[in-house]
Protein backbone atom coordinates (compact mmCIF):
# COMPACT_ATOMS: atom_id res chain seq x y z
CA MET A 1 -24.53 22.04 -115.80
CA THR A 2 -27.83 21.03 -117.41
CA GLY A 3 -30.10 22.22 -120.20
CA PRO A 4 -29.13 24.07 -123.37
CA ARG A 5 -25.85 25.40 -121.93
CA ALA A 6 -24.72 21.85 -121.15
CA GLY A 7 -25.64 20.81 -124.67
CA PHE A 8 -23.60 23.65 -126.17
CA ALA A 9 -20.62 22.73 -123.98
CA THR A 10 -20.85 19.10 -125.08
CA ASP A 11 -21.03 20.07 -128.75
CA ARG A 12 -18.00 22.32 -128.29
CA VAL A 13 -16.01 19.39 -126.86
CA ILE A 14 -17.07 17.18 -129.77
CA ASP A 15 -16.13 19.82 -132.35
CA GLN A 16 -12.73 20.42 -130.77
CA LEU A 17 -11.88 16.73 -130.78
CA ALA A 18 -13.16 16.22 -134.32
CA GLY A 19 -11.29 19.29 -135.58
CA ASP A 20 -7.98 17.59 -134.78
CA GLN A 21 -8.99 14.23 -136.31
CA ARG A 22 -10.42 14.83 -139.78
CA GLY A 23 -13.95 15.14 -138.40
CA LEU A 24 -13.76 11.95 -136.29
CA VAL A 25 -14.09 11.15 -132.58
CA THR A 26 -14.09 7.95 -130.58
CA ARG A 27 -16.38 6.92 -127.74
CA THR A 28 -13.36 6.55 -125.47
CA GLN A 29 -12.24 10.11 -126.21
CA LEU A 30 -15.72 11.52 -125.59
CA LEU A 31 -16.11 9.74 -122.26
CA ALA A 32 -12.61 10.83 -121.19
CA ASN A 33 -13.57 14.45 -121.91
CA GLY A 34 -16.75 14.41 -119.84
CA VAL A 35 -19.33 13.60 -122.50
CA THR A 36 -21.90 11.23 -120.98
CA ARG A 37 -23.12 7.98 -122.52
CA HIS A 38 -26.62 9.49 -122.67
CA ALA A 39 -25.29 12.52 -124.61
CA ILE A 40 -23.45 10.25 -127.03
CA GLU A 41 -26.49 8.07 -127.71
CA GLY A 42 -28.72 11.11 -128.17
CA ARG A 43 -26.40 12.58 -130.77
CA VAL A 44 -26.11 9.24 -132.57
CA GLN A 45 -29.91 9.07 -132.85
CA ALA A 46 -30.01 12.68 -134.08
CA ARG A 47 -27.20 11.83 -136.58
CA ARG A 48 -25.00 14.53 -135.12
CA LEU A 49 -22.63 11.61 -134.57
CA ARG A 50 -22.58 9.06 -137.40
CA VAL A 51 -21.27 5.60 -136.61
CA VAL A 52 -18.36 4.64 -138.88
CA HIS A 53 -17.03 1.70 -136.87
CA ARG A 54 -17.90 0.43 -133.44
CA GLY A 55 -16.90 3.24 -131.07
CA VAL A 56 -15.84 5.61 -133.88
CA TYR A 57 -18.04 8.47 -135.04
CA ARG A 58 -18.03 10.94 -137.88
CA VAL A 59 -19.17 14.41 -136.82
CA GLY A 60 -21.70 15.71 -139.33
CA PRO A 61 -21.33 15.47 -143.13
CA VAL A 62 -17.56 15.92 -143.06
CA ASP A 63 -15.54 14.77 -146.07
CA ALA A 64 -11.91 15.38 -145.08
CA PRO A 65 -9.19 13.61 -147.10
CA TYR A 66 -8.31 10.14 -145.78
CA TRP A 67 -10.95 10.19 -143.07
CA ARG A 68 -11.76 6.52 -143.80
CA GLU A 69 -8.13 5.59 -143.20
CA LEU A 70 -7.95 7.44 -139.88
CA ALA A 71 -11.32 5.98 -138.82
CA ALA A 72 -9.96 2.47 -139.39
CA VAL A 73 -6.85 3.21 -137.33
CA LEU A 74 -8.97 4.62 -134.49
CA ALA A 75 -11.27 1.58 -134.61
CA CYS A 76 -8.34 -0.83 -134.28
CA GLY A 77 -6.76 0.75 -131.23
CA PRO A 78 -3.48 2.42 -130.24
CA LYS A 79 -1.23 -0.28 -131.74
CA ALA A 80 -2.80 -0.03 -135.22
CA VAL A 81 -0.93 1.48 -138.18
CA LEU A 82 -2.14 2.14 -141.71
CA SER A 83 -0.25 -0.12 -144.11
CA HIS A 84 -0.06 -1.86 -147.50
CA ARG A 85 -2.18 -0.31 -150.28
CA SER A 86 -3.89 2.18 -147.95
CA ALA A 87 -0.56 3.57 -146.76
CA ALA A 88 0.61 3.63 -150.39
CA ARG A 89 -2.41 5.78 -151.28
CA VAL A 90 -1.53 8.29 -148.56
CA TRP A 91 2.06 8.41 -149.85
CA GLN A 92 0.55 8.80 -153.37
CA LEU A 93 2.41 5.75 -154.63
CA VAL A 94 -0.77 4.18 -156.07
CA SER A 95 -4.00 5.64 -157.39
CA ASP A 96 -6.76 6.34 -154.88
CA SER A 97 -9.76 4.03 -154.54
CA GLY A 98 -12.27 4.84 -151.83
CA ALA A 99 -14.25 1.65 -152.34
CA SER A 100 -11.65 -0.90 -151.19
CA PRO A 101 -11.18 -1.99 -147.55
CA VAL A 102 -8.70 -0.04 -145.45
CA ASP A 103 -5.45 -1.91 -144.77
CA ILE A 104 -4.32 -1.95 -141.14
CA THR A 105 -1.42 -3.81 -139.53
CA LEU A 106 -1.75 -4.99 -135.92
CA PRO A 107 0.49 -7.08 -133.66
CA ALA A 108 0.35 -10.81 -134.34
CA GLY A 109 -1.74 -11.58 -131.28
CA ASP A 110 -4.77 -9.49 -132.29
CA ARG A 111 -7.70 -11.57 -133.58
CA GLY A 112 -10.46 -8.99 -133.99
CA ARG A 113 -12.51 -8.65 -137.19
CA ARG A 114 -13.89 -5.31 -138.32
CA PRO A 115 -16.15 -4.69 -141.35
CA GLY A 116 -14.53 -2.55 -144.04
CA ILE A 117 -11.04 -3.10 -142.60
CA ARG A 118 -8.49 -5.60 -143.90
CA VAL A 119 -6.24 -6.52 -140.98
CA TYR A 120 -2.67 -7.82 -141.38
CA ARG A 121 -1.13 -9.36 -138.29
CA MET A 122 2.64 -8.94 -138.28
CA CYS A 123 5.42 -7.13 -136.49
CA VAL A 124 6.13 -3.53 -137.45
CA ARG A 125 9.17 -1.99 -135.78
CA ALA A 126 8.93 1.48 -134.26
CA ASP A 127 11.49 2.80 -136.77
CA GLU A 128 9.23 1.65 -139.63
CA VAL A 129 6.30 3.83 -138.50
CA THR A 130 5.70 7.54 -138.94
CA GLU A 131 2.74 9.93 -139.01
CA SER A 132 1.18 11.88 -141.86
CA GLY A 133 -1.59 14.35 -141.14
CA GLY A 134 -2.36 12.71 -137.81
CA ILE A 135 -2.49 9.19 -139.27
CA PRO A 136 0.06 6.64 -138.00
CA LEU A 137 1.27 4.63 -140.99
CA THR A 138 4.19 2.62 -142.27
CA LYS A 139 7.07 4.58 -143.75
CA PRO A 140 7.43 4.53 -147.55
CA SER A 141 10.10 1.80 -147.62
CA ARG A 142 8.13 -0.54 -145.36
CA THR A 143 4.96 0.26 -147.33
CA ILE A 144 6.62 -0.72 -150.62
CA VAL A 145 7.99 -3.95 -149.13
CA ASP A 146 4.54 -4.91 -147.81
CA LEU A 147 2.93 -4.09 -151.15
CA ALA A 148 5.47 -5.85 -153.38
CA PRO A 149 3.95 -9.39 -153.21
CA MET A 150 0.63 -8.02 -154.49
CA LEU A 151 2.03 -6.31 -157.59
CA SER A 152 3.20 -7.34 -161.03
CA SER A 153 6.67 -6.31 -162.21
CA SER A 154 5.35 -3.29 -164.12
CA GLU A 155 3.12 -2.22 -161.22
CA LEU A 156 5.97 -2.47 -158.73
CA GLU A 157 8.25 -0.53 -161.06
CA ALA A 158 5.61 2.20 -161.30
CA VAL A 159 5.44 2.36 -157.47
CA LEU A 160 9.24 2.62 -157.25
CA ALA A 161 9.23 5.32 -159.91
CA ARG A 162 6.61 7.34 -158.05
CA ALA A 163 8.64 7.01 -154.85
CA GLU A 164 11.74 8.17 -156.74
CA ARG A 165 9.84 11.10 -158.22
CA GLU A 166 8.48 12.18 -154.81
CA SER A 167 11.89 11.76 -153.10
CA LEU A 168 10.51 8.91 -150.96
CA LEU A 169 12.75 6.16 -152.30
CA ASP A 170 15.65 5.04 -150.09
CA HIS A 171 17.47 2.37 -152.15
CA ASP A 172 19.69 1.16 -149.31
CA GLU A 173 16.82 0.90 -146.85
CA LEU A 174 14.66 -0.97 -149.36
CA LEU A 175 17.45 -3.38 -150.26
CA ALA A 176 18.04 -4.08 -146.56
CA LEU A 177 14.34 -4.78 -146.02
CA ALA A 178 14.26 -7.00 -149.11
CA ALA A 179 17.25 -8.92 -147.76
CA GLU A 180 15.43 -9.43 -144.45
CA ARG A 181 12.56 -10.97 -146.39
CA ALA A 182 14.68 -13.05 -148.75
CA GLY A 183 12.66 -15.99 -150.03
CA ARG A 184 9.30 -14.36 -149.34
CA PRO A 185 6.98 -13.31 -152.21
CA GLY A 186 7.86 -9.98 -153.79
CA ALA A 187 11.35 -9.64 -152.33
CA PRO A 188 13.32 -11.09 -155.30
CA LEU A 189 11.39 -8.97 -157.80
CA MET A 190 11.93 -5.80 -155.79
CA ARG A 191 15.63 -6.54 -155.40
CA ALA A 192 15.96 -7.16 -159.15
CA LEU A 193 14.28 -3.85 -159.98
CA LEU A 194 16.36 -1.90 -157.47
CA GLU A 195 19.62 -3.39 -158.72
CA LYS A 196 18.95 -2.61 -162.40
CA ASP A 197 21.14 0.01 -164.05
CA VAL A 198 18.12 2.00 -165.24
CA VAL A 199 16.02 4.40 -163.19
CA PRO A 200 12.47 3.08 -162.58
CA ALA A 201 10.17 4.55 -165.22
CA PHE A 202 7.20 6.64 -164.13
CA THR A 203 4.28 5.88 -166.46
CA ARG A 204 0.62 6.77 -166.28
CA SER A 205 -1.13 4.82 -169.01
CA GLU A 206 -1.33 1.41 -170.64
CA ALA A 207 0.01 2.94 -173.87
CA GLU A 208 3.05 4.37 -172.09
CA LEU A 209 3.74 1.03 -170.37
CA ARG A 210 3.62 -0.76 -173.73
CA MET A 211 5.92 1.82 -175.26
CA LEU A 212 8.42 1.44 -172.44
CA ALA A 213 8.40 -2.37 -172.71
CA LEU A 214 8.98 -2.09 -176.47
CA LEU A 215 11.96 0.25 -175.99
CA ARG A 216 13.56 -2.09 -173.48
CA LYS A 217 13.02 -5.16 -175.63
CA ALA A 218 14.79 -3.40 -178.51
CA HIS A 219 17.61 -2.22 -176.20
CA LEU A 220 17.16 1.40 -177.28
CA PRO A 221 18.52 4.13 -174.98
CA ALA A 222 16.30 4.62 -171.93
CA PRO A 223 14.37 7.92 -171.93
CA GLU A 224 13.20 10.03 -169.02
CA THR A 225 9.48 9.50 -168.52
CA ASN A 226 6.71 11.96 -167.64
CA VAL A 227 9.24 14.71 -167.17
CA ARG A 228 9.01 18.49 -167.47
CA VAL A 229 10.62 20.08 -170.50
CA GLY A 230 10.27 23.82 -170.18
CA ALA A 231 6.64 24.63 -169.44
CA TRP A 232 5.37 21.23 -170.62
CA GLU A 233 5.25 17.72 -169.21
CA VAL A 234 6.04 15.12 -171.86
CA ASP A 235 5.69 11.32 -172.01
CA PHE A 236 9.26 10.37 -173.08
CA PHE A 237 12.33 12.57 -173.39
CA TRP A 238 15.79 11.73 -174.69
CA ARG A 239 17.69 14.71 -173.31
CA ARG A 240 21.00 14.24 -175.16
CA GLU A 241 19.23 13.68 -178.50
CA ARG A 242 16.69 16.43 -177.74
CA LEU A 243 13.79 14.18 -178.76
CA VAL A 244 10.31 14.04 -177.24
CA VAL A 245 7.88 11.18 -177.92
CA GLU A 246 4.21 11.61 -177.06
CA VAL A 247 2.00 8.49 -176.91
CA ASP A 248 -1.72 8.74 -177.66
CA GLY A 249 -3.45 5.91 -175.75
CA PHE A 250 -6.15 3.59 -177.07
CA ALA A 251 -8.84 5.63 -175.26
CA TYR A 252 -7.50 8.90 -176.63
CA HIS A 253 -10.07 11.19 -178.27
CA ALA A 254 -8.82 14.71 -178.86
CA THR A 255 -11.20 17.59 -178.35
CA THR A 256 -10.58 20.76 -180.31
CA ARG A 257 -9.06 22.35 -177.22
CA GLN A 258 -6.79 19.36 -176.61
CA PHE A 259 -5.73 19.30 -180.25
CA GLU A 260 -4.86 23.00 -180.16
CA ASN A 261 -3.02 22.59 -176.85
CA ASP A 262 -0.94 19.71 -178.27
CA ARG A 263 -0.07 21.71 -181.38
CA ARG A 264 0.98 24.69 -179.24
CA ARG A 265 3.17 22.45 -177.10
CA ASP A 266 4.75 20.82 -180.18
CA GLY A 267 5.41 24.23 -181.70
CA GLU A 268 7.06 25.66 -178.57
CA LEU A 269 9.25 22.58 -178.13
CA SER A 270 10.27 22.63 -181.79
CA ALA A 271 11.11 26.34 -181.55
CA SER A 272 13.53 25.49 -178.71
CA GLY A 273 15.30 22.90 -180.84
CA ILE A 274 13.48 19.81 -179.54
CA ARG A 275 11.94 17.41 -182.04
CA VAL A 276 8.50 15.97 -181.18
CA MET A 277 7.44 12.56 -182.45
CA ARG A 278 3.87 11.33 -181.92
CA VAL A 279 2.98 7.65 -181.58
CA THR A 280 -0.55 6.28 -181.93
CA TRP A 281 -2.09 3.23 -180.23
CA ARG A 282 -2.35 1.50 -183.64
CA GLN A 283 1.34 2.01 -184.38
CA LEU A 284 2.24 0.72 -180.94
CA THR A 285 0.15 -2.45 -181.15
CA SER A 286 -0.01 -3.26 -184.86
CA GLU A 287 3.27 -1.88 -186.25
CA PRO A 288 5.80 -2.13 -183.39
CA GLU A 289 8.75 -3.10 -185.62
CA ALA A 290 8.19 -0.20 -188.03
CA LEU A 291 7.77 2.14 -185.06
CA LEU A 292 11.09 1.01 -183.54
CA VAL A 293 12.92 1.47 -186.84
CA ARG A 294 11.55 5.00 -187.21
CA LEU A 295 12.41 5.85 -183.60
CA ALA A 296 15.94 4.41 -183.85
CA GLN A 297 16.58 6.37 -187.06
CA THR A 298 15.29 9.55 -185.44
CA LEU A 299 17.53 9.08 -182.39
CA VAL A 300 20.57 8.61 -184.61
CA ARG A 301 19.66 11.63 -186.73
CA GLN A 302 19.13 13.82 -183.67
CA THR A 303 22.48 12.69 -182.22
CA GLU A 304 24.28 13.60 -185.45
CA GLU A 305 22.63 17.00 -185.56
CA TRP A 306 23.60 17.79 -181.98
């Protein structure tokens, strides 16, 4: 078949392949499906196919979620798996950042270099790999173990808390993996966090992290963090004492709408018998002792009332 009909048939093949791969195709896939080298080069020149990596093309101005991650996996071959921070982003264990290189793990023997891709060469067992939306990647437990050496204690705790919140955290599996890596960076810290008697705290801001550290230093009862109470999500909640603490961060600037929303939330919580205490950045950083005294007294008072 030649002429316009052949061109339409070729474009249909390209679209079908790309439709299953977040708008991406590889040269190998195109050739295997009857698309000629000449047709590929012509569409590259016309920007119908946009080169992402050598032999990997983006079809048109597509912007599907995690297309960069899948493109990196396709560029690295059939043994490649998404890993480390990139896998953590897909599992929503860390915040997204489209500017950083994509993390890929390959078998130890691979020595290729690819722009925009950070390659780790290590063994990944078959039972440590899964697929999410067509992307082969390390399972959550293996992802956390790989990421642990790169994180501070508070960052790792936040990752563990997110995994707990999303029902991705398998304590026994993580402890077993940490034991396998005993002596390697990150393993002792992860083991220490997993073996603590408190649930990892899910925090979203510098102010909340500081507040949590202050509570632990003072040995006050551990609250639930970023949890739903009725129709509202609150920063800290002592369920038995029926106390909510909301922390206003150092970058906090309330608009009129935000102010009104906060007052409505405080009013509804108070009407249901829950006391709301607000903490400012200044109190947290300049008056921590006074803040702790006030909080401790409030916890005691709430306990006596209930």
